[in-house]
Amino acid sequence: MQSIKVQLKIISPVHIGTGEVYEPTEFFIDPSRKELCVIDFERFCAHFSEQELKAFKALCLKGTLENLVKLYTLVDALARIYLNQGLSDFIVRRIGLCEGFLDHYRRVKQLSGRDLKKEFNRFTIYRTAYSPNDNQPIIPGSSLKGALRTAVLNKRRSKARGRSAQNYCQGRRCDSKRLESEILEYPRNRFQQDPFRLVKISDFRPKGPVKTRIVYAVNRKKDGTRARGPYQMLEVIEPGAVFEGEIAVHEAIPLKKLKNPEKDGIKSPLSLEEIIEAATAFYGKERDREFEDLSRMGAGVPIFPEKGAPLRLGRHSGAECVTIEGFRHILIRGKGRQNTYQDHATTLWLAAEFSKVHSTSGLKPFGWAAFYEANTNLQDGYPSQRPQPLDISKLGKRFKVVKKK
């Protein structure tokens, strides 16, 4: 088995969600500190007086949108009362807020009728992944494994039997499982022969302080003009955070030693060197392409460390970074439902301080990180114009590849 201990440095805002959102009874807003404070609901309720409990129950039982907004107001008011009394045991964590959030929050609480319904349905804050044990943000190993799988698929894409997306896609339906099984050389729907079955990646946990923040995700065309997609509100891990975990690749059993190699054998196993080389080449190329798009738009271009390999993680990673070059079938929504499919995206989702932006200068891309051997001393530098491939011949020194029997 080969294994390395790896660190991830967050370069641009990263949102890796679990499908969960912050409900009205799970937080209050502290405007003085511009923070969203997550509540331990049981501890919060323990401070209720009889009158406060009665008012809370009455709003919960009605269940209308107007009363949900009143619930926001009540929770905010009660939390401030308790804080003024020196009580803060009900606060689980504090999350920073982007510039436009406070005004947006006040505006939602003042709406009613149709305006409230329209805006409230969009006022959903998606939370990032947290460890249930210590309430710290994590990078799930499954997210990292998916990113590395995409890189390897791009490296080995010449093994696909088809020559383009048309061989695998009919309209909106694409047989991605068939494409992946051909590239990785295993029978379709036979997981035990997928070479990634032998790749084990731990969850990555914080190494030092980690800050999260609520930002808007806005959709912009690559020429800088506004696109059709409505804004979203996401909790993101802020740039600068460092996470640590382990990547291990188990050795495949040689086909000649298997009783039934056709059913159980892995025809084309992976090595740690190939995975790192694939990630360096693929994400380095996509990084340079996207950074050129950002520069033309006038948006912010993240600064990468001089050392380390680029990686793309989480939501809004860009269509090109989650698909296979030469087989891309990206839906482009046109006017009047006149949709087309192309081999490249025409828009980007970018992190913003406001739900409506008139300039691209403050916008940032989602999902960029750098990974490197644990304890590497990074010196920040400007993004290079070309990917910086890892010298695979020096992996023993650079990544300290450990082979375990």
Protein backbone atom coordinates (compact mmCIF):
# COMPACT_ATOMS: atom_id res chain seq x y z
CA MET A 1 0.00 0.00 0.00
CA GLN A 2 1.18 3.53 -0.79
CA SER A 3 0.09 6.38 1.46
CA ILE A 4 0.90 10.04 2.00
CA LYS A 5 -0.17 12.59 4.56
CA VAL A 6 -1.43 15.62 2.66
CA GLN A 7 -2.43 19.17 3.49
CA LEU A 8 -4.95 21.26 1.57
CA LYS A 9 -4.70 25.03 1.59
CA ILE A 10 -7.89 26.84 0.61
CA ILE A 11 -7.15 29.39 -2.11
CA SER A 12 -10.65 30.66 -2.93
CA PRO A 13 -14.02 30.30 -1.14
CA VAL A 14 -15.01 26.61 -0.88
CA HIS A 15 -18.53 25.31 -0.22
CA ILE A 16 -18.92 21.57 0.25
CA GLY A 17 -22.51 21.11 1.35
CA THR A 18 -24.47 18.24 2.82
CA GLY A 19 -27.89 19.39 1.61
CA GLU A 20 -28.57 21.02 4.97
CA VAL A 21 -29.63 24.65 5.44
CA TYR A 22 -29.84 26.96 8.43
CA GLU A 23 -33.44 26.95 9.67
CA PRO A 24 -35.06 30.00 11.38
CA THR A 25 -34.70 28.43 14.84
CA GLU A 26 -31.04 27.52 14.33
CA PHE A 27 -29.46 30.96 14.26
CA PHE A 28 -29.74 34.63 15.10
CA ILE A 29 -27.99 37.64 13.59
CA ASP A 30 -25.59 39.75 15.65
CA PRO A 31 -25.51 43.03 13.67
CA SER A 32 -22.90 44.66 15.93
CA ARG A 33 -20.33 42.00 14.99
CA LYS A 34 -21.78 41.23 11.53
CA GLU A 35 -22.09 37.57 12.39
CA LEU A 36 -24.58 34.74 12.05
CA CYS A 37 -24.61 32.89 15.37
CA VAL A 38 -25.56 29.21 15.27
CA ILE A 39 -27.72 28.13 18.21
CA ASP A 40 -27.84 25.02 20.34
CA PHE A 41 -31.64 24.92 20.40
CA GLU A 42 -32.01 22.95 23.63
CA ARG A 43 -29.77 25.32 25.58
CA PHE A 44 -31.50 28.30 23.99
CA CYS A 45 -34.95 27.06 25.04
CA ALA A 46 -33.70 26.42 28.57
CA HIS A 47 -33.49 30.20 29.08
CA PHE A 48 -37.13 30.82 28.04
CA SER A 49 -39.48 32.34 30.56
CA GLU A 50 -43.03 31.04 30.60
CA GLN A 51 -44.22 34.04 28.59
CA GLU A 52 -41.42 33.70 26.03
CA LEU A 53 -42.12 29.99 25.61
CA LYS A 54 -45.81 30.72 25.02
CA ALA A 55 -44.99 33.32 22.33
CA PHE A 56 -42.54 30.95 20.65
CA LYS A 57 -45.05 28.08 20.55
CA ALA A 58 -47.77 30.32 19.13
CA LEU A 59 -45.60 31.33 16.16
CA CYS A 60 -44.51 27.73 15.50
CA LEU A 61 -48.09 26.43 15.49
CA LYS A 62 -49.34 28.95 12.92
CA GLY A 63 -46.74 27.94 10.32
CA THR A 64 -47.36 30.70 7.76
CA LEU A 65 -44.62 32.60 5.98
CA GLU A 66 -45.49 35.76 7.87
CA ASN A 67 -45.13 33.93 11.17
CA LEU A 68 -41.84 32.36 10.09
CA VAL A 69 -40.52 35.89 9.55
CA LYS A 70 -41.84 36.83 13.00
CA LEU A 71 -39.97 33.80 14.32
CA TYR A 72 -36.72 35.24 12.93
CA THR A 73 -37.49 38.48 14.77
CA LEU A 74 -38.36 36.74 18.04
CA VAL A 75 -35.24 34.55 18.04
CA ASP A 76 -33.05 37.60 17.30
CA ALA A 77 -34.68 39.59 20.11
CA LEU A 78 -34.45 36.82 22.71
CA ALA A 79 -30.82 36.08 21.85
CA ARG A 80 -29.85 39.71 22.34
CA ILE A 81 -31.68 39.79 25.69
CA TYR A 82 -29.80 36.72 26.89
CA LEU A 83 -26.46 38.11 25.70
CA ASN A 84 -27.13 41.35 27.61
CA GLN A 85 -27.73 39.17 30.68
CA GLY A 86 -24.32 37.57 30.20
CA LEU A 87 -25.70 34.29 28.81
CA SER A 88 -23.93 32.90 25.77
CA ASP A 89 -23.80 29.13 26.37
CA PHE A 90 -26.35 28.56 23.59
CA ILE A 91 -24.02 29.86 20.83
CA VAL A 92 -22.36 26.98 18.98
CA ARG A 93 -20.28 28.99 16.52
CA ARG A 94 -20.09 32.39 14.86
CA ILE A 95 -20.00 32.84 11.07
CA GLY A 96 -18.97 36.05 9.30
CA LEU A 97 -21.40 37.82 6.98
CA CYS A 98 -20.80 39.42 3.60
CA GLU A 99 -21.50 43.13 3.18
CA GLY A 100 -24.97 42.84 1.66
CA PHE A 101 -26.44 40.30 4.08
CA LEU A 102 -27.63 42.56 6.92
CA ASP A 103 -29.65 44.87 4.65
CA HIS A 104 -31.05 41.85 2.82
CA TYR A 105 -32.07 40.23 6.13
CA ARG A 106 -33.80 43.42 7.36
CA ARG A 107 -35.60 43.78 4.05
CA VAL A 108 -36.95 40.21 4.14
CA LYS A 109 -38.34 40.73 7.64
CA GLN A 110 -40.32 43.76 6.41
CA LEU A 111 -41.94 42.04 3.41
CA SER A 112 -45.44 40.59 3.22
CA GLY A 113 -47.78 38.90 0.74
CA ARG A 114 -46.44 37.92 -2.68
CA ASP A 115 -43.20 39.83 -2.24
CA LEU A 116 -42.46 37.86 0.92
CA LYS A 117 -43.24 34.51 -0.73
CA LYS A 118 -40.99 35.27 -3.68
CA GLU A 119 -38.07 36.46 -1.59
CA PHE A 120 -38.41 34.03 1.32
CA ASN A 121 -38.12 30.99 -0.97
CA ARG A 122 -34.74 32.31 -2.08
CA PHE A 123 -33.60 33.25 1.41
CA THR A 124 -32.01 29.87 2.05
CA ILE A 125 -28.55 29.62 3.60
CA TYR A 126 -26.75 26.41 2.64
CA ARG A 127 -24.34 25.22 5.32
CA THR A 128 -20.96 23.66 4.73
CA ALA A 129 -19.90 20.24 6.02
CA TYR A 130 -19.06 20.03 9.72
CA SER A 131 -17.72 17.33 12.02
CA PRO A 132 -20.45 16.36 14.51
CA ASN A 133 -17.78 15.69 17.15
CA ASP A 134 -16.02 19.05 17.43
CA ASN A 135 -18.27 21.30 15.30
CA GLN A 136 -15.36 22.19 13.01
CA PRO A 137 -15.60 22.43 9.19
CA ILE A 138 -14.20 19.45 7.31
CA ILE A 139 -13.32 18.53 3.73
CA PRO A 140 -15.04 15.15 3.23
CA GLY A 141 -12.79 12.49 1.74
CA SER A 142 -15.52 11.69 -0.78
CA SER A 143 -15.29 15.21 -2.21
CA LEU A 144 -11.53 14.96 -2.65
CA LYS A 145 -11.82 11.47 -4.13
CA GLY A 146 -14.34 12.72 -6.70
CA ALA A 147 -11.98 15.51 -7.74
CA LEU A 148 -9.06 13.10 -8.15
CA ARG A 149 -11.26 10.66 -10.09
CA THR A 150 -12.15 13.41 -12.57
CA ALA A 151 -8.45 14.15 -13.06
CA VAL A 152 -7.60 10.50 -13.74
CA LEU A 153 -10.53 10.14 -16.14
CA ASN A 154 -9.16 13.07 -18.10
CA LYS A 155 -5.66 11.60 -18.12
CA ARG A 156 -6.89 8.23 -19.40
CA ARG A 157 -9.65 9.54 -21.67
CA SER A 158 -8.01 8.11 -24.80
CA LYS A 159 -9.12 4.65 -23.66
CA ALA A 160 -12.79 5.47 -24.28
CA ARG A 161 -14.25 3.54 -27.22
CA GLY A 162 -16.31 6.50 -28.41
CA ARG A 163 -14.67 9.56 -29.88
CA SER A 164 -16.99 12.34 -28.65
CA ALA A 165 -19.94 13.15 -26.39
CA GLN A 166 -22.35 12.16 -29.18
CA ASN A 167 -21.40 8.52 -28.63
CA TYR A 168 -22.70 8.68 -25.06
CA CYS A 169 -25.34 11.43 -25.00
CA GLN A 170 -28.83 11.70 -26.45
CA GLY A 171 -30.31 15.11 -25.71
CA ARG A 172 -30.21 15.72 -21.97
CA ARG A 173 -29.41 12.10 -21.16
CA CYS A 174 -25.81 10.96 -20.99
CA ASP A 175 -24.53 7.50 -20.14
CA SER A 176 -21.63 8.66 -17.99
CA LYS A 177 -21.30 5.26 -16.28
CA ARG A 178 -20.50 3.61 -19.60
CA LEU A 179 -17.93 6.29 -20.46
CA GLU A 180 -16.21 5.98 -17.07
CA SER A 181 -16.17 2.19 -17.15
CA GLU A 182 -14.57 2.21 -20.60
CA ILE A 183 -11.90 4.71 -19.56
CA LEU A 184 -11.04 2.88 -16.33
CA GLU A 185 -11.40 -0.53 -18.00
CA TYR A 186 -13.91 -2.29 -15.78
CA PRO A 187 -17.30 -3.83 -16.61
CA ARG A 188 -20.17 -1.45 -16.15
CA ASN A 189 -21.87 -1.61 -12.73
CA ARG A 190 -19.14 -3.88 -11.31
CA PHE A 191 -17.81 -1.70 -8.51
CA GLN A 192 -15.41 -4.37 -7.28
CA GLN A 193 -13.39 -3.98 -10.49
CA ASP A 194 -13.27 -0.18 -10.45
CA PRO A 195 -9.63 0.77 -9.74
CA PHE A 196 -10.79 3.60 -7.46
CA ARG A 197 -12.09 0.94 -5.07
CA LEU A 198 -8.51 0.65 -3.85
CA VAL A 199 -8.14 4.41 -3.26
CA LYS A 200 -8.90 5.38 0.35
CA ILE A 201 -9.07 9.03 1.37
CA SER A 202 -9.75 10.23 4.89
CA ASP A 203 -11.80 13.26 5.77
CA PHE A 204 -9.56 16.31 5.94
CA ARG A 205 -9.68 18.14 9.26
CA PRO A 206 -8.53 21.66 10.16
CA LYS A 207 -4.92 22.27 11.04
CA GLY A 208 -5.19 25.55 12.90
CA PRO A 209 -8.03 28.11 12.92
CA VAL A 210 -10.66 28.00 10.17
CA LYS A 211 -13.10 30.80 9.38
CA THR A 212 -16.37 30.39 7.50
CA ARG A 213 -18.48 33.13 5.95
CA ILE A 214 -21.86 33.62 4.31
CA VAL A 215 -21.51 34.88 0.72
CA TYR A 216 -23.70 35.18 -2.34
CA ALA A 217 -23.13 33.02 -5.40
CA VAL A 218 -23.96 35.00 -8.54
CA ASN A 219 -23.98 33.83 -12.14
CA ARG A 220 -22.06 35.91 -14.70
CA LYS A 221 -21.37 35.41 -18.36
CA LYS A 222 -17.74 35.12 -19.32
CA ASP A 223 -17.91 38.53 -20.96
CA GLY A 224 -18.74 39.98 -17.52
CA THR A 225 -22.45 40.64 -18.06
CA ARG A 226 -25.14 39.28 -15.80
CA ALA A 227 -26.45 35.76 -16.50
CA ARG A 228 -29.91 34.30 -15.85
CA GLY A 229 -29.24 32.21 -12.74
CA PRO A 230 -30.72 33.55 -9.47
CA TYR A 231 -28.37 34.22 -6.57
CA GLN A 232 -27.70 31.64 -3.86
CA MET A 233 -26.48 32.07 -0.27
CA LEU A 234 -23.68 29.73 0.77
CA GLU A 235 -21.55 29.24 3.84
CA VAL A 236 -17.97 28.95 2.57
CA ILE A 237 -14.59 28.12 4.05
CA GLU A 238 -12.49 31.24 3.68
CA PRO A 239 -9.12 31.32 1.88
CA GLY A 240 -6.06 30.63 4.01
CA ALA A 241 -7.51 27.69 5.95
CA VAL A 242 -5.39 24.52 6.00
CA PHE A 243 -6.74 20.97 6.30
CA GLU A 244 -4.86 17.72 6.75
CA GLY A 245 -5.68 14.13 5.83
CA GLU A 246 -4.32 10.97 4.24
CA ILE A 247 -4.48 9.44 0.78
CA ALA A 248 -3.80 5.71 0.45
CA VAL A 249 -3.71 3.44 -2.59
CA HIS A 250 -3.90 -0.30 -1.92
CA GLU A 251 -2.17 -2.75 -4.22
CA ALA A 252 -4.37 -4.78 -6.55
CA ILE A 253 -4.17 -8.56 -6.41
CA PRO A 254 -2.39 -9.78 -9.58
CA LEU A 255 -4.86 -11.23 -12.09
CA LYS A 256 -2.97 -14.54 -12.27
CA LYS A 257 -3.56 -15.09 -8.55
CA LEU A 258 -7.34 -14.70 -8.80
CA LYS A 259 -9.63 -17.70 -9.27
CA ASN A 260 -11.95 -15.67 -11.47
CA PRO A 261 -10.05 -12.67 -12.88
CA GLU A 262 -12.84 -11.80 -15.33
CA LYS A 263 -15.23 -11.12 -12.44
CA ASP A 264 -12.92 -9.98 -9.65
CA GLY A 265 -9.77 -8.59 -11.26
CA ILE A 266 -8.81 -4.93 -11.64
CA LYS A 267 -7.41 -4.71 -15.15
CA SER A 268 -5.80 -1.27 -14.89
CA PRO A 269 -4.92 -0.42 -11.27
CA LEU A 270 -3.85 3.03 -10.11
CA SER A 271 -0.72 4.27 -8.43
CA LEU A 272 -0.30 7.25 -6.15
CA GLU A 273 2.13 8.75 -8.64
CA GLU A 274 -0.42 8.58 -11.47
CA ILE A 275 -3.15 10.19 -9.36
CA ILE A 276 -0.94 13.12 -8.35
CA GLU A 277 0.38 13.55 -11.88
CA ALA A 278 -3.19 13.53 -13.27
CA ALA A 279 -4.41 16.11 -10.74
CA THR A 280 -1.43 18.40 -11.36
CA ALA A 281 -1.86 18.32 -15.15
CA PHE A 282 -5.67 18.53 -15.33
CA TYR A 283 -6.35 21.15 -12.65
CA GLY A 284 -3.26 23.13 -13.61
CA LYS A 285 -4.60 23.45 -17.14
CA GLU A 286 -8.13 24.30 -15.98
CA ARG A 287 -6.78 26.81 -13.48
CA ASP A 288 -4.88 28.72 -16.15
CA ARG A 289 -7.87 28.65 -18.51
CA GLU A 290 -10.28 29.95 -15.88
CA PHE A 291 -7.88 32.58 -14.57
CA GLU A 292 -7.61 33.98 -18.08
CA ASP A 293 -11.43 34.16 -18.21
CA LEU A 294 -11.46 35.93 -14.83
CA SER A 295 -8.83 38.42 -15.93
CA ARG A 296 -10.81 39.29 -19.06
CA MET A 297 -13.95 39.76 -16.93
CA GLY A 298 -12.11 41.96 -14.44
CA ALA A 299 -12.85 39.55 -11.56
CA GLY A 300 -10.47 38.57 -8.78
CA VAL A 301 -7.74 36.05 -9.59
CA PRO A 302 -6.62 34.00 -6.55
CA ILE A 303 -2.95 33.81 -5.62
CA PHE A 304 -1.56 30.26 -5.58
CA PRO A 305 1.40 29.10 -3.48
CA GLU A 306 4.60 28.49 -5.41
CA LYS A 307 4.62 24.88 -4.18
CA GLY A 308 1.79 22.40 -4.27
CA ALA A 309 -0.57 21.05 -6.90
CA PRO A 310 -3.89 22.75 -7.82
CA LEU A 311 -7.23 21.13 -7.04
CA ARG A 312 -10.91 22.06 -7.48
CA LEU A 313 -13.47 21.12 -4.82
CA GLY A 314 -17.10 21.62 -3.91
CA ARG A 315 -20.05 23.48 -5.34
CA HIS A 316 -19.70 25.74 -8.38
CA SER A 317 -16.39 24.20 -9.41
CA GLY A 318 -17.19 24.96 -13.03
CA ALA A 319 -18.52 22.58 -15.69
CA GLU A 320 -15.10 22.05 -17.24
CA CYS A 321 -13.59 20.91 -13.92
CA VAL A 322 -16.18 18.18 -13.36
CA THR A 323 -16.31 16.75 -16.90
CA ILE A 324 -14.01 14.92 -19.31
CA GLU A 325 -12.29 16.88 -22.04
CA GLY A 326 -13.42 15.76 -25.49
CA PHE A 327 -16.66 14.31 -24.08
CA ARG A 328 -18.25 17.42 -22.61
CA HIS A 329 -21.97 17.88 -23.13
CA ILE A 330 -22.76 21.08 -21.22
CA LEU A 331 -26.28 22.47 -21.24
CA ILE A 332 -26.44 26.13 -22.33
CA ARG A 333 -29.80 27.72 -21.54
CA GLY A 334 -30.91 30.18 -24.19
CA LYS A 335 -33.79 32.62 -24.47
CA GLY A 336 -37.27 31.15 -24.78
CA ARG A 337 -36.07 27.71 -23.65
CA GLN A 338 -33.90 27.39 -26.74
CA ASN A 339 -31.28 25.21 -25.08
CA THR A 340 -28.11 24.01 -26.75
CA TYR A 341 -25.18 21.79 -25.75
CA GLN A 342 -21.55 22.79 -26.04
CA ASP A 343 -18.12 21.56 -24.99
CA HIS A 344 -17.57 24.56 -22.72
CA ALA A 345 -19.52 26.66 -20.23
CA THR A 346 -20.52 30.23 -21.09
CA THR A 347 -21.04 31.41 -17.51
CA LEU A 348 -19.29 31.24 -14.14
CA TRP A 349 -20.68 31.12 -10.61
CA LEU A 350 -18.70 33.57 -8.48
CA ALA A 351 -18.63 34.56 -4.81
CA ALA A 352 -19.98 38.07 -4.19
CA GLU A 353 -20.61 40.46 -1.30
CA PHE A 354 -24.08 41.42 -2.60
CA SER A 355 -26.94 39.57 -4.28
CA LYS A 356 -26.95 42.12 -7.11
CA VAL A 357 -23.58 43.26 -8.41
CA HIS A 358 -22.90 45.90 -11.03
CA SER A 359 -19.16 45.36 -11.27
CA THR A 360 -17.07 42.19 -11.55
CA SER A 361 -14.09 43.61 -9.66
CA GLY A 362 -15.00 42.08 -6.29
CA LEU A 363 -16.09 38.66 -7.56
CA LYS A 364 -14.10 35.52 -6.74
CA PRO A 365 -14.18 31.96 -8.11
CA PHE A 366 -15.27 29.04 -5.94
CA GLY A 367 -13.44 25.88 -5.01
CA TRP A 368 -9.71 26.33 -5.63
CA ALA A 369 -7.21 24.68 -3.28
CA ALA A 370 -3.58 23.60 -3.32
CA PHE A 371 -2.45 20.23 -1.97
CA TYR A 372 1.01 19.26 -0.87
CA GLU A 373 2.94 17.07 1.51
CA ALA A 374 2.15 17.75 5.17
CA ASN A 375 4.53 20.22 6.86
CA THR A 376 5.68 21.78 3.58
CA ASN A 377 6.73 25.40 4.13
CA LEU A 378 4.70 27.32 1.55
CA GLN A 379 5.71 30.71 0.22
CA ASP A 380 2.87 32.55 -1.49
CA GLY A 381 3.52 33.63 -5.04
CA TYR A 382 1.56 34.82 -8.02
CA PRO A 383 -0.32 32.32 -10.19
CA SER A 384 1.85 30.94 -12.93
CA GLN A 385 0.72 30.96 -16.52
CA ARG A 386 1.36 27.23 -16.82
CA PRO A 387 0.71 24.29 -14.50
CA GLN A 388 3.59 23.38 -12.22
CA PRO A 389 3.77 19.56 -12.49
CA LEU A 390 5.10 17.56 -9.60
CA ASP A 391 8.37 15.78 -10.33
CA ILE A 392 7.17 12.21 -9.97
CA SER A 393 10.74 10.93 -9.85
CA LYS A 394 11.20 12.87 -6.62
CA LEU A 395 7.98 11.81 -4.98
CA GLY A 396 9.90 9.80 -2.41
CA LYS A 397 11.51 13.04 -1.19
CA ARG A 398 8.68 15.45 -1.89
CA PHE A 399 5.69 13.44 -0.75
CA LYS A 400 7.38 10.77 1.36
CA VAL A 401 5.46 7.93 -0.23
CA VAL A 402 5.11 5.17 2.31
CA LYS A 403 4.81 1.61 1.04
CA LYS A 404 3.13 -0.75 3.47
CA LYS A 405 2.95 -4.47 3.04
